[in-house]
Amino acid sequence: MDIQQLLTLLLVVPIVSSIVLWLTPANFKALSTMHILGSIASTLVAVKAVMSVVNGETLFAYDQILFLDSLGGVFLALIGVTGLLVNLYSVKYMQWEVDKGEITVKDAKLFFTLSHLFVFTMTFSVISNNIALMWVAIEATTLSSVFMVALHKGKKSTESGWKYIVICSIGLAFALYATVLLYSAGFTVINDSHSTMLWTTLMTHAKEINSDALKLIFIFALIGFGTKAGLAPTHTWLPDVHSEGPAPASAMLSGILLKCAILGLIRYYAIIGNSMVGFEYVQTIMIISGLITIFIAALFLIRQHDVKRMFAYHSIAHMGVIAFGLGVGGVLGLFAALFHALAHSVTKALAFCVTGNMVQIYGTRDMTKMGGLIKIAPITAILFGIAICSLVGVPGFAIFVSEFLMIQESINTGLIIPVILFVIGLIVIFIADFSHFNLATFGESRTKILTNKIEWSANIPLILLASLIIGFGIFSIEGWVTLLNNAVKIIIGV
């Protein structure tokens, strides 16, 4: 298989899966089978592509419009692995929803169809070398996912869907301004309309582009992609959307989509950092943005008893953590930021899918009405505990690794006040989370139990996610470390 075929398949497989599902009759067994087969096929192609760039290679296709480097490989891995496990869980979740009469089989068909279209748009954003197409792809992720969020067609879910479209579209308009300005500033140097749109060419000529223009471009990029990523103060769409959508949709949005927006921001971060402006400018802005985001999320977490909204605010907090890692900078800080993207992806996928189990058991998302989960459904309780332990940075879990590296690099580079504020924010989150965890897990149930049986078909994908969280928290996986190190080299222009 040559390079062009490989990059083409990354886009063709999910879009074909979506079309096939759309044409499949409204039979749940047939739909779920096609959904699983399509997800496996997409993941196999993604893994093949990532393995091709682990050692620092860059793949180009279609006159360099499409490309895959180690940096893109990091995020393509998230789409492939996390996406597959969430899609496997979604089959059982949708069956529960159909059985309860919450949705019809046609609604489940729509969800499965859109999930593959969603994977297509996210993959397109990762492998687009053309910065305009990257923007188009990230904008398209909104349109492909909004109907997944509003699947239940209730007042709250519909309202959250509209909020999602409006705020993200307005925010991404700023990213469009950044794209246009970068093209304009780059064209005066490169003087070729095609090459000026290519991120790889802009990186090569970064030092020649006007510094004042680049400073403004980064601010626009931060507002635009930061809105989509859930960075404060343009994060307000995220709690509603993540809490109202079906659990698998929330898992995909939080676990994968937010990282695609972060990748878009990192592409601009790299250009400005490698220009005459330098990394100090972008790092200072990212530290401020990260700390503000962490503290806003932490304050909302303290009094949050809706389990899905709690995890939604965690999405905001951990986008702030990634921003802080980009702000710390250096090889270790950037490594930690990219590692955190993976750690958060698998952790939040597990967290939101576990909420699907919890709602099935209790019939509510309110943790004050839960209790006794450890006795009612011990496997779900353990998975819930693993998600919480990782989210708050307990040693031995994936997120601890990246947060520890950020703290270490902050101290090494003399960022004493920022790292103190960072640790305070993490402590607040730690206290808030474990109080909520105790409320739902121990004691006696405070509401009627709908079921105490969660099928293995629902638990196995979650156990695999939990295994990844612990595996990345304990072991240094050589291939993954190599991929991250090469991605860091791309960002710093080595």
Protein backbone atom coordinates (compact mmCIF):
# COMPACT_ATOMS: atom_id res chain seq x y z
CA MET A 1 0.00 0.00 0.00
CA ASP A 2 1.54 3.32 -1.05
CA ILE A 3 1.32 6.56 0.94
CA GLN A 4 -1.48 8.12 -1.11
CA GLN A 5 -3.64 5.03 -0.75
CA LEU A 6 -3.05 4.93 3.02
CA LEU A 7 -4.00 8.57 3.58
CA THR A 8 -6.99 8.16 1.25
CA LEU A 9 -8.21 5.13 3.18
CA LEU A 10 -8.11 7.13 6.42
CA LEU A 11 -10.90 9.27 4.97
CA VAL A 12 -12.66 6.74 2.74
CA VAL A 13 -13.24 4.00 5.34
CA PRO A 14 -15.27 6.11 7.83
CA ILE A 15 -17.25 7.89 5.11
CA VAL A 16 -18.10 4.58 3.41
CA SER A 17 -19.08 3.11 6.79
CA SER A 18 -21.39 6.08 7.32
CA ILE A 19 -23.01 5.66 3.90
CA VAL A 20 -23.44 1.90 4.36
CA LEU A 21 -25.08 2.41 7.75
CA TRP A 22 -27.41 5.02 6.28
CA LEU A 23 -28.49 2.54 3.60
CA THR A 24 -28.84 -0.38 6.02
CA PRO A 25 -32.47 -1.24 6.96
CA ALA A 26 -33.64 -0.19 10.43
CA ASN A 27 -32.76 -3.51 12.03
CA PHE A 28 -30.78 -3.05 15.24
CA LYS A 29 -28.72 -6.24 14.92
CA ALA A 30 -27.68 -5.44 11.36
CA LEU A 31 -26.92 -1.84 12.24
CA SER A 32 -24.81 -2.75 15.26
CA THR A 33 -22.86 -5.33 13.25
CA MET A 34 -22.06 -2.83 10.49
CA HIS A 35 -21.21 -0.19 13.11
CA ILE A 36 -18.67 -2.47 14.80
CA LEU A 37 -17.13 -3.65 11.51
CA GLY A 38 -16.77 -0.06 10.29
CA SER A 39 -15.16 1.01 13.57
CA ILE A 40 -12.67 -1.86 13.48
CA ALA A 41 -11.76 -1.08 9.86
CA SER A 42 -11.18 2.61 10.62
CA THR A 43 -9.01 1.75 13.61
CA LEU A 44 -6.89 -0.76 11.67
CA VAL A 45 -6.15 1.84 8.99
CA ALA A 46 -5.39 4.49 11.63
CA VAL A 47 -3.00 2.16 13.48
CA LYS A 48 -1.24 1.30 10.20
CA ALA A 49 -0.82 5.01 9.44
CA VAL A 50 0.46 5.85 12.93
CA MET A 51 3.01 3.02 12.78
CA SER A 52 4.30 4.56 9.54
CA VAL A 53 5.22 7.84 11.26
CA VAL A 54 6.35 6.63 14.69
CA ASN A 55 10.02 7.18 13.86
CA GLY A 56 9.59 10.72 12.57
CA GLU A 57 8.63 10.14 8.94
CA THR A 58 6.19 12.50 7.20
CA LEU A 59 3.72 11.16 4.64
CA PHE A 60 2.38 13.42 1.86
CA ALA A 61 -0.39 12.95 -0.70
CA TYR A 62 -2.31 14.99 -3.28
CA ASP A 63 0.34 17.64 -3.86
CA GLN A 64 1.00 17.86 -0.09
CA ILE A 65 -2.60 18.86 0.70
CA LEU A 66 -2.87 15.79 2.93
CA PHE A 67 -0.04 14.77 5.22
CA LEU A 68 0.70 12.82 8.37
CA ASP A 69 3.62 13.49 10.68
CA SER A 70 4.39 12.27 14.21
CA LEU A 71 2.41 15.17 15.70
CA GLY A 72 -0.68 14.24 13.69
CA GLY A 73 0.03 10.60 14.49
CA VAL A 74 -0.45 11.28 18.21
CA PHE A 75 -3.97 12.56 17.64
CA LEU A 76 -4.82 10.00 14.96
CA ALA A 77 -4.00 7.32 17.55
CA LEU A 78 -6.60 8.85 19.88
CA ILE A 79 -9.23 8.79 17.14
CA GLY A 80 -8.46 5.17 16.30
CA VAL A 81 -8.17 3.61 19.75
CA THR A 82 -10.56 5.69 21.85
CA GLY A 83 -13.06 5.90 19.00
CA LEU A 84 -13.18 2.13 18.60
CA LEU A 85 -13.76 1.39 22.30
CA VAL A 86 -16.46 4.07 22.61
CA ASN A 87 -18.20 2.77 19.48
CA LEU A 88 -18.15 -0.76 20.87
CA TYR A 89 -19.79 0.50 24.07
CA SER A 90 -22.34 2.54 22.10
CA VAL A 91 -23.97 -0.62 20.71
CA LYS A 92 -25.11 -1.76 24.16
CA TYR A 93 -25.96 1.77 25.25
CA MET A 94 -28.20 2.33 22.24
CA GLN A 95 -29.87 -1.01 22.85
CA TRP A 96 -30.72 0.14 26.39
CA GLU A 97 -32.15 3.39 25.03
CA VAL A 98 -34.27 1.55 22.45
CA ASP A 99 -35.53 -0.96 25.03
CA LYS A 100 -36.55 1.87 27.39
CA GLY A 101 -38.36 3.66 24.59
CA GLU A 102 -36.12 6.73 24.88
CA ILE A 103 -35.22 6.48 21.19
CA THR A 104 -36.30 4.43 18.17
CA VAL A 105 -34.17 2.09 16.06
CA LYS A 106 -34.11 4.84 13.41
CA ASP A 107 -32.58 7.18 15.99
CA ALA A 108 -29.94 4.57 16.79
CA LYS A 109 -29.27 4.23 13.06
CA LEU A 110 -28.78 8.01 12.84
CA PHE A 111 -26.38 7.94 15.79
CA PHE A 112 -24.27 5.12 14.31
CA THR A 113 -24.21 6.85 10.91
CA LEU A 114 -23.16 10.19 12.36
CA SER A 115 -20.49 8.65 14.59
CA HIS A 116 -18.57 7.49 11.51
CA LEU A 117 -19.10 10.83 9.79
CA PHE A 118 -17.75 12.40 12.98
CA VAL A 119 -14.63 10.20 12.78
CA PHE A 120 -14.21 11.28 9.15
CA THR A 121 -14.26 14.99 10.00
CA MET A 122 -11.88 14.58 12.95
CA THR A 123 -9.46 12.50 10.88
CA PHE A 124 -9.61 15.08 8.08
CA SER A 125 -8.68 17.84 10.55
CA VAL A 126 -5.65 15.83 11.71
CA ILE A 127 -4.22 15.00 8.26
CA SER A 128 -4.91 18.34 6.52
CA ASN A 129 -1.68 20.13 5.65
CA ASN A 130 -3.72 22.92 4.08
CA ILE A 131 -4.62 25.26 6.98
CA ALA A 132 -7.89 26.31 5.35
CA LEU A 133 -9.01 22.69 4.98
CA MET A 134 -7.99 22.04 8.58
CA TRP A 135 -10.31 24.87 9.64
CA VAL A 136 -13.11 23.51 7.43
CA ALA A 137 -12.71 20.05 8.96
CA ILE A 138 -12.83 21.35 12.53
CA GLU A 139 -15.92 23.40 11.70
CA ALA A 140 -17.45 20.29 10.10
CA THR A 141 -16.99 18.34 13.34
CA THR A 142 -19.65 20.60 14.84
CA LEU A 143 -22.19 19.81 12.15
CA SER A 144 -21.49 16.07 12.23
CA SER A 145 -21.79 15.82 16.03
CA VAL A 146 -24.59 18.22 16.91
CA PHE A 147 -27.35 15.76 15.97
CA MET A 148 -25.64 13.09 18.08
CA VAL A 149 -25.89 15.49 21.03
CA ALA A 150 -29.56 16.30 20.35
CA LEU A 151 -30.53 12.68 19.69
CA HIS A 152 -33.24 12.63 22.38
CA LYS A 153 -34.99 15.67 20.86
CA GLY A 154 -35.96 16.98 24.29
CA LYS A 155 -36.03 20.66 25.15
CA LYS A 156 -32.71 20.62 27.02
CA SER A 157 -30.85 18.53 24.45
CA THR A 158 -32.17 20.66 21.58
CA GLU A 159 -31.22 23.85 23.40
CA SER A 160 -27.72 22.51 24.11
CA GLY A 161 -27.36 21.57 20.43
CA TRP A 162 -28.18 25.10 19.33
CA LYS A 163 -25.83 26.51 21.94
CA TYR A 164 -23.10 24.22 20.64
CA ILE A 165 -23.57 25.39 17.04
CA VAL A 166 -23.81 29.09 17.82
CA ILE A 167 -20.92 29.46 20.27
CA CYS A 168 -18.52 27.16 18.41
CA SER A 169 -19.31 28.72 15.03
CA ILE A 170 -18.76 32.23 16.37
CA GLY A 171 -15.57 31.09 18.09
CA LEU A 172 -14.23 29.36 15.00
CA ALA A 173 -14.85 32.55 13.02
CA PHE A 174 -11.83 33.90 14.90
CA ALA A 175 -9.84 30.85 13.78
CA LEU A 176 -10.92 31.70 10.22
CA TYR A 177 -9.56 35.24 10.72
CA ALA A 178 -6.30 33.67 11.91
CA THR A 179 -6.22 31.48 8.78
CA VAL A 180 -6.82 34.40 6.43
CA LEU A 181 -4.27 36.62 8.17
CA LEU A 182 -1.65 33.86 8.20
CA TYR A 183 -2.18 33.27 4.49
CA SER A 184 -1.87 36.99 3.80
CA ALA A 185 1.26 37.39 5.91
CA GLY A 186 2.80 34.21 4.51
CA PHE A 187 2.06 35.07 0.88
CA THR A 188 4.22 38.21 1.03
CA VAL A 189 7.15 35.92 1.84
CA ILE A 190 6.39 32.68 -0.04
CA ASN A 191 4.62 34.28 -3.03
CA ASP A 192 2.84 31.07 -4.07
CA SER A 193 -0.86 30.62 -3.36
CA HIS A 194 -0.72 26.85 -3.00
CA SER A 195 2.41 26.63 -0.84
CA THR A 196 1.30 29.48 1.42
CA MET A 197 -1.69 27.41 2.54
CA LEU A 198 0.51 24.48 3.60
CA TRP A 199 1.44 24.21 7.28
CA THR A 200 4.77 22.53 6.48
CA THR A 201 5.77 25.43 4.19
CA LEU A 202 4.67 28.04 6.73
CA MET A 203 6.82 26.30 9.36
CA THR A 204 9.82 26.44 7.03
CA HIS A 205 9.36 30.18 6.40
CA ALA A 206 8.15 31.11 9.90
CA LYS A 207 11.14 33.34 10.70
CA GLU A 208 10.51 35.44 7.57
CA ILE A 209 6.87 36.25 8.35
CA ASN A 210 6.00 39.59 9.97
CA SER A 211 6.22 39.27 13.77
CA ASP A 212 3.47 41.76 14.59
CA ALA A 213 1.05 39.94 12.29
CA LEU A 214 1.93 36.60 13.90
CA LYS A 215 1.23 37.92 17.40
CA LEU A 216 -2.29 38.94 16.35
CA ILE A 217 -2.77 35.68 14.43
CA PHE A 218 -2.04 33.62 17.55
CA ILE A 219 -4.58 35.57 19.61
CA PHE A 220 -7.25 34.88 16.99
CA ALA A 221 -6.22 31.21 16.80
CA LEU A 222 -6.39 30.89 20.59
CA ILE A 223 -9.90 32.39 20.72
CA GLY A 224 -11.08 30.26 17.78
CA PHE A 225 -9.63 26.86 18.52
CA GLY A 226 -9.79 27.56 22.26
CA THR A 227 -13.57 27.93 22.00
CA LYS A 228 -13.83 24.52 20.36
CA ALA A 229 -11.41 23.02 22.90
CA GLY A 230 -13.34 24.40 25.87
CA LEU A 231 -10.78 26.90 27.17
CA ALA A 232 -12.18 29.69 29.37
CA PRO A 233 -13.88 32.08 28.98
CA THR A 234 -15.48 30.64 25.81
CA HIS A 235 -16.14 27.25 27.45
CA THR A 236 -19.81 27.84 28.27
CA TRP A 237 -21.22 25.51 25.59
CA LEU A 238 -19.35 22.50 26.89
CA PRO A 239 -21.13 21.61 30.19
CA ASP A 240 -24.56 21.67 28.54
CA VAL A 241 -23.53 19.70 25.45
CA HIS A 242 -21.55 17.03 27.29
CA SER A 243 -24.21 16.54 29.94
CA GLU A 244 -27.24 16.37 27.64
CA GLY A 245 -25.91 14.12 24.89
CA PRO A 246 -25.94 10.30 25.05
CA ALA A 247 -23.00 8.90 27.02
CA PRO A 248 -21.08 7.64 23.93
CA ALA A 249 -21.49 11.03 22.23
CA SER A 250 -20.13 12.78 25.33
CA ALA A 251 -17.22 10.32 25.40
CA MET A 252 -16.37 11.05 21.75
CA LEU A 253 -16.69 14.80 22.19
CA SER A 254 -14.59 14.98 25.34
CA GLY A 255 -12.19 12.15 24.59
CA ILE A 256 -11.37 13.01 20.98
CA LEU A 257 -12.96 16.14 19.53
CA LEU A 258 -11.47 18.58 22.04
CA LYS A 259 -8.01 17.22 21.18
CA CYS A 260 -8.53 17.93 17.47
CA ALA A 261 -9.13 21.57 18.36
CA ILE A 262 -6.02 21.50 20.56
CA LEU A 263 -4.03 20.14 17.59
CA GLY A 264 -5.22 23.07 15.48
CA LEU A 265 -4.00 25.44 18.19
CA ILE A 266 -0.66 23.59 18.47
CA ARG A 267 -0.10 24.02 14.72
CA TYR A 268 -0.34 27.80 15.15
CA TYR A 269 1.66 27.64 18.40
CA ALA A 270 4.48 25.95 16.50
CA ILE A 271 4.52 28.50 13.67
CA ILE A 272 4.61 31.51 16.01
CA GLY A 273 7.09 29.82 18.36
CA ASN A 274 9.51 29.11 15.51
CA SER A 275 9.19 32.64 14.12
CA MET A 276 11.06 35.74 15.27
CA VAL A 277 8.31 36.19 17.87
CA GLY A 278 9.67 33.16 19.74
CA PHE A 279 8.16 30.66 22.16
CA GLU A 280 8.17 32.98 25.17
CA TYR A 281 5.22 34.95 23.75
CA VAL A 282 2.98 31.93 23.11
CA GLN A 283 4.04 30.21 26.33
CA THR A 284 3.10 33.20 28.48
CA ILE A 285 -0.33 33.40 26.87
CA MET A 286 -0.91 29.65 27.25
CA ILE A 287 0.04 29.64 30.95
CA ILE A 288 -2.44 32.44 31.67
CA SER A 289 -5.17 30.75 29.61
CA GLY A 290 -4.51 27.37 31.23
CA LEU A 291 -4.59 28.63 34.82
CA ILE A 292 -7.76 30.67 34.29
CA THR A 293 -9.46 27.64 32.73
CA ILE A 294 -8.38 25.31 35.55
CA PHE A 295 -9.64 27.61 38.32
CA ILE A 296 -12.98 28.34 36.65
CA ALA A 297 -13.61 24.61 36.17
CA ALA A 298 -12.44 23.80 39.73
CA LEU A 299 -14.86 26.32 41.27
CA PHE A 300 -17.81 24.86 39.35
CA LEU A 301 -16.78 21.31 40.26
CA ILE A 302 -17.09 21.97 44.00
CA ARG A 303 -20.90 22.17 43.97
CA GLN A 304 -21.62 19.94 40.96
CA HIS A 305 -23.75 16.87 41.73
CA ASP A 306 -24.85 15.94 38.21
CA VAL A 307 -22.34 13.21 37.32
CA LYS A 308 -22.23 14.12 33.62
CA ARG A 309 -21.86 17.85 34.28
CA MET A 310 -19.11 17.03 36.77
CA PHE A 311 -17.18 15.19 34.06
CA ALA A 312 -17.96 17.98 31.59
CA TYR A 313 -16.26 20.51 33.87
CA HIS A 314 -13.37 18.07 34.09
CA SER A 315 -13.04 18.33 30.32
CA ILE A 316 -12.63 22.08 30.72
CA ALA A 317 -10.14 21.65 33.56
CA HIS A 318 -7.97 19.23 31.64
CA MET A 319 -7.95 21.35 28.51
CA GLY A 320 -6.57 23.96 30.89
CA VAL A 321 -3.93 21.46 32.02
CA ILE A 322 -2.87 20.83 28.39
CA ALA A 323 -2.73 24.60 27.84
CA PHE A 324 -0.57 24.92 30.97
CA GLY A 325 1.78 22.24 29.61
CA LEU A 326 2.10 24.17 26.34
CA GLY A 327 2.80 27.25 28.44
CA VAL A 328 5.54 25.53 30.42
CA GLY A 329 7.10 24.59 27.10
CA GLY A 330 10.47 23.02 26.57
CA VAL A 331 10.90 19.41 25.53
CA LEU A 332 9.52 18.03 28.80
CA GLY A 333 6.56 20.44 29.01
CA LEU A 334 5.48 19.75 25.43
CA PHE A 335 5.95 16.00 25.93
CA ALA A 336 3.72 16.23 29.02
CA ALA A 337 1.05 18.23 27.14
CA LEU A 338 0.89 15.64 24.35
CA PHE A 339 0.94 12.74 26.83
CA HIS A 340 -1.92 14.43 28.70
CA ALA A 341 -3.95 14.48 25.49
CA LEU A 342 -3.80 10.66 25.38
CA ALA A 343 -4.28 10.22 29.13
CA HIS A 344 -7.31 12.50 29.16
CA SER A 345 -8.75 10.88 26.03
CA VAL A 346 -8.95 7.37 27.47
CA THR A 347 -9.87 8.62 30.95
CA LYS A 348 -12.78 10.78 29.84
CA ALA A 349 -14.03 8.13 27.44
CA LEU A 350 -14.16 5.76 30.41
CA ALA A 351 -15.72 8.39 32.68
CA PHE A 352 -18.60 9.30 30.36
CA CYS A 353 -19.30 5.69 29.39
CA VAL A 354 -19.44 4.77 33.09
CA THR A 355 -22.13 7.44 33.53
CA GLY A 356 -24.16 5.46 30.98
CA ASN A 357 -23.97 2.45 33.30
CA MET A 358 -24.84 4.58 36.34
CA VAL A 359 -27.92 6.09 34.70
CA GLN A 360 -29.01 2.60 33.68
CA ILE A 361 -28.74 1.51 37.34
CA TYR A 362 -30.25 4.53 39.10
CA GLY A 363 -32.28 6.26 36.39
CA THR A 364 -30.77 9.60 37.41
CA ARG A 365 -27.56 11.59 36.97
CA ASP A 366 -27.87 13.22 40.39
CA MET A 367 -25.21 11.77 42.69
CA THR A 368 -27.11 12.92 45.80
CA LYS A 369 -29.77 10.33 44.84
CA MET A 370 -27.30 7.52 44.24
CA GLY A 371 -25.22 5.71 46.89
CA GLY A 372 -24.16 2.12 47.43
CA LEU A 373 -22.77 1.63 43.92
CA ILE A 374 -19.97 -0.58 45.24
CA LYS A 375 -22.56 -3.10 46.51
CA ILE A 376 -25.05 -2.77 43.66
CA ALA A 377 -22.64 -2.95 40.69
CA PRO A 378 -19.06 -3.47 41.92
CA ILE A 379 -17.47 -3.55 38.45
CA THR A 380 -19.08 -0.22 37.52
CA ALA A 381 -17.98 1.20 40.90
CA ILE A 382 -14.37 0.11 40.31
CA LEU A 383 -14.40 1.59 36.78
CA PHE A 384 -15.88 4.81 38.19
CA GLY A 385 -13.10 4.87 40.79
CA ILE A 386 -10.38 4.34 38.16
CA ALA A 387 -11.75 7.25 36.12
CA ILE A 388 -11.86 9.51 39.18
CA CYS A 389 -8.37 8.48 40.37
CA SER A 390 -6.91 9.24 36.95
CA LEU A 391 -8.75 12.55 36.59
CA VAL A 392 -7.41 13.84 39.92
CA GLY A 393 -3.87 12.63 39.22
CA VAL A 394 -3.45 9.74 41.64
CA PRO A 395 -0.03 8.03 41.15
CA GLY A 396 -0.21 4.88 39.04
CA PHE A 397 -2.81 6.32 36.67
CA ALA A 398 -2.14 7.94 33.29
CA ILE A 399 -2.92 11.58 34.09
CA PHE A 400 -0.52 11.59 37.06
CA VAL A 401 2.41 11.08 34.66
CA SER A 402 1.74 14.18 32.57
CA GLU A 403 0.85 16.41 35.51
CA PHE A 404 3.99 15.34 37.39
CA LEU A 405 6.15 16.12 34.34
CA MET A 406 4.55 19.56 34.03
CA ILE A 407 5.25 20.33 37.67
CA GLN A 408 8.82 19.07 37.33
CA GLU A 409 9.53 21.19 34.25
CA SER A 410 7.88 24.25 35.82
CA ILE A 411 10.23 24.00 38.80
CA ASN A 412 13.23 23.38 36.53
CA THR A 413 12.47 26.54 34.52
CA GLY A 414 11.72 28.73 37.55
CA LEU A 415 7.95 29.08 37.01
CA ILE A 416 7.35 28.99 40.76
CA ILE A 417 4.22 31.14 41.09
CA PRO A 418 2.45 29.52 38.09
CA VAL A 419 3.22 26.00 39.34
CA ILE A 420 1.97 26.86 42.86
CA LEU A 421 -1.31 28.10 41.35
CA PHE A 422 -1.43 24.98 39.16
CA VAL A 423 -1.06 22.68 42.17
CA ILE A 424 -3.69 24.62 44.17
CA GLY A 425 -6.16 24.18 41.30
CA LEU A 426 -5.44 20.45 41.17
CA ILE A 427 -5.94 20.14 44.95
CA VAL A 428 -9.35 21.82 44.74
CA ILE A 429 -10.35 19.39 41.97
CA PHE A 430 -9.04 16.43 44.03
CA ILE A 431 -11.15 17.36 47.07
CA ALA A 432 -14.29 18.05 45.03
CA ASP A 433 -14.04 14.80 43.09
CA PHE A 434 -13.51 12.43 45.97
CA SER A 435 -16.41 13.95 47.91
CA HIS A 436 -18.63 13.26 44.90
CA PHE A 437 -17.16 9.78 44.43
CA ASN A 438 -17.90 8.86 48.06
CA LEU A 439 -21.44 10.21 47.72
CA ALA A 440 -22.26 7.90 44.79
CA THR A 441 -20.22 4.83 45.66
CA PHE A 442 -20.61 4.16 49.38
CA GLY A 443 -23.43 4.12 51.92
CA GLU A 444 -26.96 3.11 51.00
CA SER A 445 -28.85 3.85 47.81
CA ARG A 446 -31.09 6.90 48.12
CA THR A 447 -33.34 6.03 45.20
CA LYS A 448 -35.01 3.00 43.65
CA ILE A 449 -32.58 0.70 41.84
CA LEU A 450 -33.70 0.00 38.27
CA THR A 451 -31.20 -2.81 37.69
CA ASN A 452 -28.06 -4.23 39.24
CA LYS A 453 -27.00 -6.12 36.13
CA ILE A 454 -24.72 -4.50 33.57
CA GLU A 455 -23.94 -6.89 30.73
CA TRP A 456 -20.36 -7.81 29.91
CA SER A 457 -20.85 -6.44 26.40
CA ALA A 458 -21.09 -3.01 28.04
CA ASN A 459 -18.31 -3.52 30.57
CA ILE A 460 -15.60 -5.06 28.37
CA PRO A 461 -14.86 -1.86 26.33
CA LEU A 462 -14.71 0.05 29.63
CA ILE A 463 -12.35 -2.50 31.17
CA LEU A 464 -10.08 -2.08 28.14
CA LEU A 465 -10.12 1.71 28.61
CA ALA A 466 -9.32 1.25 32.30
CA SER A 467 -6.44 -1.07 31.37
CA LEU A 468 -5.00 1.61 29.09
CA ILE A 469 -5.26 4.19 31.89
CA ILE A 470 -3.34 1.97 34.31
CA GLY A 471 -0.93 0.72 31.63
CA PHE A 472 0.11 4.22 30.57
CA GLY A 473 0.30 5.22 34.23
CA ILE A 474 2.72 2.47 35.20
CA PHE A 475 4.67 1.45 32.09
CA SER A 476 6.78 3.39 29.63
CA ILE A 477 5.54 2.13 26.27
CA GLU A 478 8.46 2.50 23.86
CA GLY A 479 6.57 3.10 20.63
CA TRP A 480 4.32 5.71 22.22
CA VAL A 481 7.27 7.54 23.85
CA THR A 482 9.12 7.57 20.52
CA LEU A 483 6.06 9.00 18.75
CA LEU A 484 5.69 11.74 21.39
CA ASN A 485 9.39 12.64 21.28
CA ASN A 486 9.28 13.02 17.50
CA ALA A 487 6.08 15.09 17.77
CA VAL A 488 7.84 17.42 20.23
CA LYS A 489 10.74 17.82 17.77
CA ILE A 490 8.26 18.92 15.09
CA ILE A 491 6.74 21.56 17.40
CA ILE A 492 10.09 23.08 18.38
CA GLY A 493 11.37 22.91 14.79
CA VAL A 494 14.23 20.48 15.31
